[in-house]
Amino acid sequence: MPAFNWYKGDFETILKNTDSNLLKKNIALETWISSTKKGSSLKFEQINNDRIYEHFHYHYGLQKFDTALLFLYSYLFQLRHLILRN
């Protein structure tokens, strides 16, 4: 197994960039691992919303879908969880 250089950066920035959201943290982690394995020196703290969404869209082939519809579905799904939780 090749040795990789892992650059985390500032933990508070990581939390801020992922809005303390576990799904975003997971996608950010996948992005960081993928980039590092490709030889990038990307720090985990540099992965912001744009990079998270870019990785998510690319990894799951979502560029084939209408973005507005995808965001509407995500919003409604999130709203459903808020209603069920209360």
Protein backbone atom coordinates (compact mmCIF):
# COMPACT_ATOMS: atom_id res chain seq x y z
CA MET A 1 0.00 0.00 0.00
CA PRO A 2 1.47 3.36 -0.98
CA ALA A 3 2.06 5.97 1.69
CA PHE A 4 -0.15 9.03 1.46
CA ASN A 5 0.33 12.44 3.03
CA TRP A 6 -2.85 13.40 4.87
CA TYR A 7 -3.36 17.12 5.46
CA LYS A 8 -6.29 17.72 7.81
CA GLY A 9 -5.99 21.42 8.56
CA ASP A 10 -8.06 23.25 11.17
CA PHE A 11 -10.78 21.10 12.77
CA GLU A 12 -13.07 24.07 13.53
CA THR A 13 -12.97 25.05 9.84
CA ILE A 14 -13.92 21.49 8.89
CA LEU A 15 -16.95 21.65 11.20
CA LYS A 16 -17.94 25.04 9.79
CA ASN A 17 -17.55 23.89 6.16
CA THR A 18 -19.79 20.88 6.76
CA ASP A 19 -22.35 22.74 8.88
CA SER A 20 -21.91 20.02 11.54
CA ASN A 21 -23.87 17.74 9.17
CA LEU A 22 -22.85 14.07 9.21
CA LEU A 23 -23.80 13.47 5.58
CA LYS A 24 -21.72 16.46 4.45
CA LYS A 25 -18.83 15.27 6.63
CA ASN A 26 -19.02 11.84 5.03
CA ILE A 27 -19.01 13.27 1.49
CA ALA A 28 -16.19 15.66 2.44
CA LEU A 29 -14.22 12.70 3.80
CA GLU A 30 -14.80 10.74 0.58
CA THR A 31 -13.65 13.79 -1.39
CA TRP A 32 -10.52 14.17 0.75
CA ILE A 33 -9.62 10.47 0.53
CA SER A 34 -10.19 10.37 -3.23
CA SER A 35 -8.12 13.51 -3.81
CA THR A 36 -5.29 12.34 -1.56
CA LYS A 37 -5.11 8.96 -3.32
CA LYS A 38 -4.79 10.83 -6.62
CA GLY A 39 -1.75 12.69 -5.25
CA SER A 40 -3.42 15.96 -4.29
CA SER A 41 -2.26 17.87 -1.20
CA LEU A 42 -5.81 19.08 -0.57
CA LYS A 43 -6.47 19.74 3.11
CA PHE A 44 -9.69 18.50 4.65
CA GLU A 45 -10.39 22.07 5.78
CA GLN A 46 -10.37 23.23 2.13
CA ILE A 47 -13.37 21.08 1.24
CA ASN A 48 -16.30 23.49 1.23
CA ASN A 49 -19.91 23.20 0.04
CA ASP A 50 -18.95 23.61 -3.62
CA ARG A 51 -16.47 20.73 -3.46
CA ILE A 52 -18.89 18.58 -1.46
CA TYR A 53 -21.67 19.09 -4.02
CA GLU A 54 -19.29 18.60 -6.93
CA HIS A 55 -18.04 15.28 -5.55
CA PHE A 56 -21.58 14.16 -4.68
CA HIS A 57 -22.90 14.98 -8.16
CA TYR A 58 -19.97 13.31 -9.90
CA HIS A 59 -19.82 10.21 -7.69
CA TYR A 60 -23.54 9.45 -7.96
CA GLY A 61 -24.04 10.61 -11.57
CA LEU A 62 -26.48 13.34 -10.56
CA GLN A 63 -25.37 15.68 -13.33
CA LYS A 64 -27.92 13.78 -15.45
CA PHE A 65 -30.76 15.18 -13.32
CA ASP A 66 -32.36 18.60 -13.22
CA THR A 67 -30.56 20.43 -10.39
CA ALA A 68 -33.62 22.48 -9.37
CA LEU A 69 -35.69 19.31 -9.05
CA LEU A 70 -32.92 17.60 -7.08
CA PHE A 71 -32.69 20.50 -4.60
CA LEU A 72 -36.49 20.60 -4.27
CA TYR A 73 -36.58 16.89 -3.48
CA SER A 74 -33.76 17.28 -0.94
CA TYR A 75 -35.52 20.21 0.71
CA LEU A 76 -38.84 18.37 0.94
CA PHE A 77 -37.13 15.28 2.33
CA GLN A 78 -35.40 17.42 4.97
CA LEU A 79 -38.72 19.11 5.79
CA ARG A 80 -40.35 15.68 6.21
CA HIS A 81 -37.74 14.75 8.82
CA LEU A 82 -38.33 18.01 10.71
CA ILE A 83 -42.07 17.39 10.80
CA LEU A 84 -41.69 13.78 11.92
CA ARG A 85 -39.20 14.76 14.59
CA ASN A 86 -41.57 17.30 16.16
